[in-house]
Amino acid sequence: VVYLHTSVEQQIDRTSRDRNRPLLRTADPGRVLRDLMAIRDPLYREIADIIIETDERPPRLVVQEILERLQALPPR
């Protein structure tokens, strides 16, 4: 399992103009994201084989890190 971690601030920035996110159509979408992160982040970290930080990183570099980290895992 690869967990792509993104800070709440980055999530707000990435989703602020997206009108197709019903959960975030509130007066305080940041609070919704913080609440979701508080619940989900520990669970995702518990099951993740790899955690990748994605803040301020272009997709190409994120993919490159995923591939490198997957190759470094021991065979199953």
PDB file of N, CA and C in Angstrom:
ATOM      1  N   VAL A   1       0.851  -1.172   0.000  1.00  0.00           N
ATOM      2  CA  VAL A   1       0.000   0.000   0.000  1.00  0.00           C
ATOM      3  C   VAL A   1       0.895   1.233   0.000  1.00  0.00           C
ATOM      4  N   VAL A   2       0.623   2.147  -0.906  1.00  0.00           N
ATOM      5  CA  VAL A   2       1.352   3.412  -0.981  1.00  0.00           C
ATOM      6  C   VAL A   2       0.401   4.524  -0.532  1.00  0.00           C
ATOM      7  N   TYR A   3       0.789   5.235   0.498  1.00  0.00           N
ATOM      8  CA  TYR A   3       0.007   6.360   1.010  1.00  0.00           C
ATOM      9  C   TYR A   3       0.638   7.643   0.493  1.00  0.00           C
ATOM     10  N   LEU A   4      -0.123   8.374  -0.293  1.00  0.00           N
ATOM     11  CA  LEU A   4       0.325   9.674  -0.796  1.00  0.00           C
ATOM     12  C   LEU A   4      -0.164  10.735   0.186  1.00  0.00           C
ATOM     13  N   HIS A   5       0.725  11.176   1.063  1.00  0.00           N
ATOM     14  CA  HIS A   5       0.346  12.135   2.100  1.00  0.00           C
ATOM     15  C   HIS A   5       0.459  13.562   1.570  1.00  0.00           C
ATOM     16  N   THR A   6      -0.573  14.322   1.857  1.00  0.00           N
ATOM     17  CA  THR A   6      -0.611  15.732   1.484  1.00  0.00           C
ATOM     18  C   THR A   6      -1.136  16.519   2.674  1.00  0.00           C
ATOM     19  N   SER A   7      -0.512  17.618   3.002  1.00  0.00           N
ATOM     20  CA  SER A   7      -0.971  18.433   4.130  1.00  0.00           C
ATOM     21  C   SER A   7      -2.360  18.993   3.839  1.00  0.00           C
ATOM     22  N   VAL A   8      -3.053  19.327   4.904  1.00  0.00           N
ATOM     23  CA  VAL A   8      -4.385  19.922   4.751  1.00  0.00           C
ATOM     24  C   VAL A   8      -4.288  21.224   3.964  1.00  0.00           C
ATOM     25  N   GLU A   9      -3.247  22.006   4.223  1.00  0.00           N
ATOM     26  CA  GLU A   9      -3.088  23.277   3.508  1.00  0.00           C
ATOM     27  C   GLU A   9      -2.963  23.037   2.003  1.00  0.00           C
ATOM     28  N   GLN A  10      -2.193  22.024   1.631  1.00  0.00           N
ATOM     29  CA  GLN A  10      -2.025  21.703   0.215  1.00  0.00           C
ATOM     30  C   GLN A  10      -3.340  21.175  -0.367  1.00  0.00           C
ATOM     31  N   GLN A  11      -4.072  20.384   0.398  1.00  0.00           N
ATOM     32  CA  GLN A  11      -5.364  19.882  -0.060  1.00  0.00           C
ATOM     33  C   GLN A  11      -6.335  21.039  -0.312  1.00  0.00           C
ATOM     34  N   ILE A  12      -6.329  21.998   0.587  1.00  0.00           N
ATOM     35  CA  ILE A  12      -7.195  23.171   0.411  1.00  0.00           C
ATOM     36  C   ILE A  12      -6.822  23.890  -0.878  1.00  0.00           C
ATOM     37  N   ASP A  13      -5.533  24.102  -1.083  1.00  0.00           N
ATOM     38  CA  ASP A  13      -5.071  24.779  -2.297  1.00  0.00           C
ATOM     39  C   ASP A  13      -5.473  24.007  -3.554  1.00  0.00           C
ATOM     40  N   ARG A  14      -5.317  22.693  -3.528  1.00  0.00           N
ATOM     41  CA  ARG A  14      -5.606  21.870  -4.708  1.00  0.00           C
ATOM     42  C   ARG A  14      -7.096  21.743  -5.003  1.00  0.00           C
ATOM     43  N   THR A  15      -7.929  21.866  -3.987  1.00  0.00           N
ATOM     44  CA  THR A  15      -9.364  21.641  -4.190  1.00  0.00           C
ATOM     45  C   THR A  15     -10.207  22.911  -4.141  1.00  0.00           C
ATOM     46  N   SER A  16      -9.613  24.048  -3.877  1.00  0.00           N
ATOM     47  CA  SER A  16     -10.391  25.273  -3.641  1.00  0.00           C
ATOM     48  C   SER A  16     -11.252  25.703  -4.828  1.00  0.00           C
ATOM     49  N   ARG A  17     -10.846  25.381  -6.028  1.00  0.00           N
ATOM     50  CA  ARG A  17     -11.625  25.791  -7.200  1.00  0.00           C
ATOM     51  C   ARG A  17     -12.461  24.657  -7.795  1.00  0.00           C
ATOM     52  N   ASP A  18     -12.435  23.502  -7.152  1.00  0.00           N
ATOM     53  CA  ASP A  18     -13.156  22.333  -7.657  1.00  0.00           C
ATOM     54  C   ASP A  18     -14.568  22.311  -7.078  1.00  0.00           C
ATOM     55  N   ARG A  19     -15.551  22.491  -7.921  1.00  0.00           N
ATOM     56  CA  ARG A  19     -16.951  22.519  -7.469  1.00  0.00           C
ATOM     57  C   ARG A  19     -17.578  21.123  -7.446  1.00  0.00           C
ATOM     58  N   ASN A  20     -16.822  20.096  -7.768  1.00  0.00           N
ATOM     59  CA  ASN A  20     -17.340  18.729  -7.807  1.00  0.00           C
ATOM     60  C   ASN A  20     -16.980  17.942  -6.549  1.00  0.00           C
ATOM     61  N   ARG A  21     -16.839  18.623  -5.443  1.00  0.00           N
ATOM     62  CA  ARG A  21     -16.499  17.969  -4.173  1.00  0.00           C
ATOM     63  C   ARG A  21     -17.551  18.353  -3.134  1.00  0.00           C
ATOM     64  N   PRO A  22     -18.646  17.584  -3.096  1.00  0.00           N
ATOM     65  CA  PRO A  22     -19.759  17.933  -2.199  1.00  0.00           C
ATOM     66  C   PRO A  22     -19.362  18.068  -0.730  1.00  0.00           C
ATOM     67  N   LEU A  23     -18.457  17.242  -0.251  1.00  0.00           N
ATOM     68  CA  LEU A  23     -18.045  17.333   1.157  1.00  0.00           C
ATOM     69  C   LEU A  23     -17.403  18.670   1.488  1.00  0.00           C
ATOM     70  N   LEU A  24     -16.820  19.308   0.478  1.00  0.00           N
ATOM     71  CA  LEU A  24     -16.092  20.553   0.723  1.00  0.00           C
ATOM     72  C   LEU A  24     -16.898  21.801   0.389  1.00  0.00           C
ATOM     73  N   ARG A  25     -18.140  21.622   0.007  1.00  0.00           N
ATOM     74  CA  ARG A  25     -18.998  22.780  -0.268  1.00  0.00           C
ATOM     75  C   ARG A  25     -19.635  23.263   1.033  1.00  0.00           C
ATOM     76  N   THR A  26     -18.787  23.742   1.922  1.00  0.00           N
ATOM     77  CA  THR A  26     -19.234  24.247   3.220  1.00  0.00           C
ATOM     78  C   THR A  26     -18.584  25.607   3.455  1.00  0.00           C
ATOM     79  N   ALA A  27     -18.995  26.246   4.531  1.00  0.00           N
ATOM     80  CA  ALA A  27     -18.398  27.539   4.875  1.00  0.00           C
ATOM     81  C   ALA A  27     -16.931  27.386   5.270  1.00  0.00           C
ATOM     82  N   ASP A  28     -16.562  26.203   5.780  1.00  0.00           N
ATOM     83  CA  ASP A  28     -15.186  25.985   6.246  1.00  0.00           C
ATOM     84  C   ASP A  28     -14.652  24.637   5.747  1.00  0.00           C
ATOM     85  N   PRO A  29     -14.300  24.570   4.461  1.00  0.00           N
ATOM     86  CA  PRO A  29     -13.786  23.301   3.937  1.00  0.00           C
ATOM     87  C   PRO A  29     -12.491  22.859   4.624  1.00  0.00           C
ATOM     88  N   GLY A  30     -11.713  23.801   5.120  1.00  0.00           N
ATOM     89  CA  GLY A  30     -10.488  23.448   5.832  1.00  0.00           C
ATOM     90  C   GLY A  30     -10.778  22.631   7.077  1.00  0.00           C
ATOM     91  N   ARG A  31     -11.824  22.979   7.765  1.00  0.00           N
ATOM     92  CA  ARG A  31     -12.203  22.217   8.965  1.00  0.00           C
ATOM     93  C   ARG A  31     -12.605  20.797   8.586  1.00  0.00           C
ATOM     94  N   VAL A  32     -13.371  20.659   7.505  1.00  0.00           N
ATOM     95  CA  VAL A  32     -13.770  19.327   7.035  1.00  0.00           C
ATOM     96  C   VAL A  32     -12.523  18.501   6.729  1.00  0.00           C
ATOM     97  N   LEU A  33     -11.577  19.091   6.008  1.00  0.00           N
ATOM     98  CA  LEU A  33     -10.355  18.367   5.653  1.00  0.00           C
ATOM     99  C   LEU A  33      -9.524  18.021   6.889  1.00  0.00           C
ATOM    100  N   ARG A  34      -9.440  18.937   7.849  1.00  0.00           N
ATOM    101  CA  ARG A  34      -8.694  18.651   9.087  1.00  0.00           C
ATOM    102  C   ARG A  34      -9.348  17.508   9.863  1.00  0.00           C
ATOM    103  N   ASP A  35     -10.688  17.532   9.935  1.00  0.00           N
ATOM    104  CA  ASP A  35     -11.401  16.462  10.640  1.00  0.00           C
ATOM    105  C   ASP A  35     -11.188  15.112   9.955  1.00  0.00           C
ATOM    106  N   LEU A  36     -11.286  15.099   8.630  1.00  0.00           N
ATOM    107  CA  LEU A  36     -11.056  13.857   7.885  1.00  0.00           C
ATOM    108  C   LEU A  36      -9.622  13.368   8.065  1.00  0.00           C
ATOM    109  N   MET A  37      -8.671  14.279   8.018  1.00  0.00           N
ATOM    110  CA  MET A  37      -7.262  13.912   8.176  1.00  0.00           C
ATOM    111  C   MET A  37      -7.016  13.326   9.564  1.00  0.00           C
ATOM    112  N   ALA A  38      -7.622  13.907  10.583  1.00  0.00           N
ATOM    113  CA  ALA A  38      -7.429  13.408  11.948  1.00  0.00           C
ATOM    114  C   ALA A  38      -7.910  11.966  12.083  1.00  0.00           C
ATOM    115  N   ILE A  39      -8.964  11.623  11.376  1.00  0.00           N
ATOM    116  CA  ILE A  39      -9.506  10.266  11.426  1.00  0.00           C
ATOM    117  C   ILE A  39      -8.722   9.322  10.524  1.00  0.00           C
ATOM    118  N   ARG A  40      -8.465   9.746   9.315  1.00  0.00           N
ATOM    119  CA  ARG A  40      -7.911   8.847   8.304  1.00  0.00           C
ATOM    120  C   ARG A  40      -6.396   8.681   8.349  1.00  0.00           C
ATOM    121  N   ASP A  41      -5.673   9.739   8.646  1.00  0.00           N
ATOM    122  CA  ASP A  41      -4.213   9.680   8.578  1.00  0.00           C
ATOM    123  C   ASP A  41      -3.618   8.542   9.416  1.00  0.00           C
ATOM    124  N   PRO A  42      -4.016   8.369  10.675  1.00  0.00           N
ATOM    125  CA  PRO A  42      -3.429   7.266  11.452  1.00  0.00           C
ATOM    126  C   PRO A  42      -3.723   5.890  10.839  1.00  0.00           C
ATOM    127  N   LEU A  43      -4.908   5.735  10.282  1.00  0.00           N
ATOM    128  CA  LEU A  43      -5.268   4.456   9.662  1.00  0.00           C
ATOM    129  C   LEU A  43      -4.431   4.201   8.421  1.00  0.00           C
ATOM    130  N   TYR A  44      -4.289   5.215   7.585  1.00  0.00           N
ATOM    131  CA  TYR A  44      -3.490   5.071   6.368  1.00  0.00           C
ATOM    132  C   TYR A  44      -2.036   4.758   6.708  1.00  0.00           C
ATOM    133  N   ARG A  45      -1.501   5.442   7.711  1.00  0.00           N
ATOM    134  CA  ARG A  45      -0.104   5.212   8.099  1.00  0.00           C
ATOM    135  C   ARG A  45       0.100   3.791   8.637  1.00  0.00           C
ATOM    136  N   GLU A  46      -0.908   3.296   9.335  1.00  0.00           N
ATOM    137  CA  GLU A  46      -0.811   1.956   9.914  1.00  0.00           C
ATOM    138  C   GLU A  46      -0.698   0.870   8.841  1.00  0.00           C
ATOM    139  N   ILE A  47      -1.419   1.035   7.737  1.00  0.00           N
ATOM    140  CA  ILE A  47      -1.419  -0.019   6.719  1.00  0.00           C
ATOM    141  C   ILE A  47      -0.433   0.225   5.580  1.00  0.00           C
ATOM    142  N   ALA A  48       0.144   1.408   5.531  1.00  0.00           N
ATOM    143  CA  ALA A  48       1.020   1.754   4.401  1.00  0.00           C
ATOM    144  C   ALA A  48       2.356   1.029   4.475  1.00  0.00           C
ATOM    145  N   ASP A  49       2.780   0.516   3.329  1.00  0.00           N
ATOM    146  CA  ASP A  49       4.131  -0.015   3.188  1.00  0.00           C
ATOM    147  C   ASP A  49       5.107   1.124   2.894  1.00  0.00           C
ATOM    148  N   ILE A  50       4.581   2.127   2.198  1.00  0.00           N
ATOM    149  CA  ILE A  50       5.378   3.284   1.789  1.00  0.00           C
ATOM    150  C   ILE A  50       4.529   4.531   2.005  1.00  0.00           C
ATOM    151  N   ILE A  51       5.144   5.576   2.549  1.00  0.00           N
ATOM    152  CA  ILE A  51       4.472   6.868   2.694  1.00  0.00           C
ATOM    153  C   ILE A  51       5.266   7.874   1.880  1.00  0.00           C
ATOM    154  N   ILE A  52       4.581   8.549   0.979  1.00  0.00           N
ATOM    155  CA  ILE A  52       5.208   9.532   0.100  1.00  0.00           C
ATOM    156  C   ILE A  52       4.620  10.902   0.414  1.00  0.00           C
ATOM    157  N   GLU A  53       5.485  11.867   0.680  1.00  0.00           N
ATOM    158  CA  GLU A  53       5.043  13.250   0.885  1.00  0.00           C
ATOM    159  C   GLU A  53       4.893  13.909  -0.486  1.00  0.00           C
ATOM    160  N   THR A  54       3.735  14.512  -0.725  1.00  0.00           N
ATOM    161  CA  THR A  54       3.469  15.075  -2.051  1.00  0.00           C
ATOM    162  C   THR A  54       3.389  16.595  -2.087  1.00  0.00           C
ATOM    163  N   ASP A  55       3.456  17.252  -0.937  1.00  0.00           N
ATOM    164  CA  ASP A  55       3.344  18.715  -0.923  1.00  0.00           C
ATOM    165  C   ASP A  55       4.395  19.364  -1.824  1.00  0.00           C
ATOM    166  N   GLU A  56       3.928  20.313  -2.636  1.00  0.00           N
ATOM    167  CA  GLU A  56       4.823  21.138  -3.458  1.00  0.00           C
ATOM    168  C   GLU A  56       5.697  20.320  -4.413  1.00  0.00           C
ATOM    169  N   ARG A  57       5.258  19.118  -4.764  1.00  0.00           N
ATOM    170  CA  ARG A  57       6.061  18.265  -5.644  1.00  0.00           C
ATOM    171  C   ARG A  57       5.286  17.975  -6.919  1.00  0.00           C
ATOM    172  N   PRO A  58       5.937  18.053  -8.055  1.00  0.00           N
ATOM    173  CA  PRO A  58       5.256  17.724  -9.310  1.00  0.00           C
ATOM    174  C   PRO A  58       4.998  16.216  -9.396  1.00  0.00           C
ATOM    175  N   PRO A  59       3.928  15.826 -10.066  1.00  0.00           N
ATOM    176  CA  PRO A  59       3.587  14.404 -10.182  1.00  0.00           C
ATOM    177  C   PRO A  59       4.745  13.536 -10.673  1.00  0.00           C
ATOM    178  N   ARG A  60       5.535  14.030 -11.596  1.00  0.00           N
ATOM    179  CA  ARG A  60       6.650  13.251 -12.145  1.00  0.00           C
ATOM    180  C   ARG A  60       7.611  12.813 -11.042  1.00  0.00           C
ATOM    181  N   LEU A  61       7.918  13.715 -10.109  1.00  0.00           N
ATOM    182  CA  LEU A  61       8.836  13.373  -9.019  1.00  0.00           C
ATOM    183  C   LEU A  61       8.197  12.420  -8.016  1.00  0.00           C
ATOM    184  N   VAL A  62       6.907  12.585  -7.790  1.00  0.00           N
ATOM    185  CA  VAL A  62       6.198  11.671  -6.892  1.00  0.00           C
ATOM    186  C   VAL A  62       6.223  10.259  -7.476  1.00  0.00           C
ATOM    187  N   VAL A  63       5.931  10.140  -8.763  1.00  0.00           N
ATOM    188  CA  VAL A  63       5.958   8.831  -9.423  1.00  0.00           C
ATOM    189  C   VAL A  63       7.356   8.230  -9.360  1.00  0.00           C
ATOM    190  N   GLN A  64       8.352   9.031  -9.611  1.00  0.00           N
ATOM    191  CA  GLN A  64       9.737   8.549  -9.561  1.00  0.00           C
ATOM    192  C   GLN A  64      10.067   7.987  -8.173  1.00  0.00           C
ATOM    193  N   GLU A  65       9.671   8.705  -7.127  1.00  0.00           N
ATOM    194  CA  GLU A  65       9.940   8.218  -5.772  1.00  0.00           C
ATOM    195  C   GLU A  65       9.173   6.932  -5.483  1.00  0.00           C
ATOM    196  N   ILE A  66       7.922   6.860  -5.918  1.00  0.00           N
ATOM    197  CA  ILE A  66       7.137   5.634  -5.718  1.00  0.00           C
ATOM    198  C   ILE A  66       7.850   4.445  -6.353  1.00  0.00           C
ATOM    199  N   LEU A  67       8.276   4.598  -7.594  1.00  0.00           N
ATOM    200  CA  LEU A  67       8.949   3.501  -8.293  1.00  0.00           C
ATOM    201  C   LEU A  67      10.236   3.090  -7.580  1.00  0.00           C
ATOM    202  N   GLU A  68      11.019   4.054  -7.168  1.00  0.00           N
ATOM    203  CA  GLU A  68      12.272   3.755  -6.465  1.00  0.00           C
ATOM    204  C   GLU A  68      12.012   3.028  -5.148  1.00  0.00           C
ATOM    205  N   ARG A  69      11.033   3.503  -4.411  1.00  0.00           N
ATOM    206  CA  ARG A  69      10.737   2.899  -3.106  1.00  0.00           C
ATOM    207  C   ARG A  69      10.135   1.509  -3.261  1.00  0.00           C
ATOM    208  N   LEU A  70       9.309   1.308  -4.296  1.00  0.00           N
ATOM    209  CA  LEU A  70       8.751  -0.027  -4.543  1.00  0.00           C
ATOM    210  C   LEU A  70       9.851  -1.018  -4.896  1.00  0.00           C
ATOM    211  N   GLN A  71      10.789  -0.587  -5.709  1.00  0.00           N
ATOM    212  CA  GLN A  71      11.890  -1.467  -6.101  1.00  0.00           C
ATOM    213  C   GLN A  71      12.774  -1.830  -4.911  1.00  0.00           C
ATOM    214  N   ALA A  72      12.823  -0.969  -3.911  1.00  0.00           N
ATOM    215  CA  ALA A  72      13.663  -1.216  -2.737  1.00  0.00           C
ATOM    216  C   ALA A  72      13.006  -2.147  -1.714  1.00  0.00           C
ATOM    217  N   LEU A  73      11.699  -2.388  -1.867  1.00  0.00           N
ATOM    218  CA  LEU A  73      11.015  -3.278  -0.928  1.00  0.00           C
ATOM    219  C   LEU A  73      11.488  -4.715  -1.122  1.00  0.00           C
ATOM    220  N   PRO A  74      11.536  -5.483  -0.042  1.00  0.00           N
ATOM    221  CA  PRO A  74      11.893  -6.897  -0.199  1.00  0.00           C
ATOM    222  C   PRO A  74      10.787  -7.643  -0.952  1.00  0.00           C
ATOM    223  N   PRO A  75      11.133  -8.677  -1.693  1.00  0.00           N
ATOM    224  CA  PRO A  75      10.111  -9.448  -2.417  1.00  0.00           C
ATOM    225  C   PRO A  75       9.135 -10.096  -1.441  1.00  0.00           C
ATOM    226  N   ARG A  76       7.917 -10.237  -1.900  1.00  0.00           N
ATOM    227  CA  ARG A  76       6.893 -10.885  -1.056  1.00  0.00           C
ATOM    228  C   ARG A  76       6.743 -12.324  -1.432  1.00  0.00           C
TER     229      ARG A  76
END
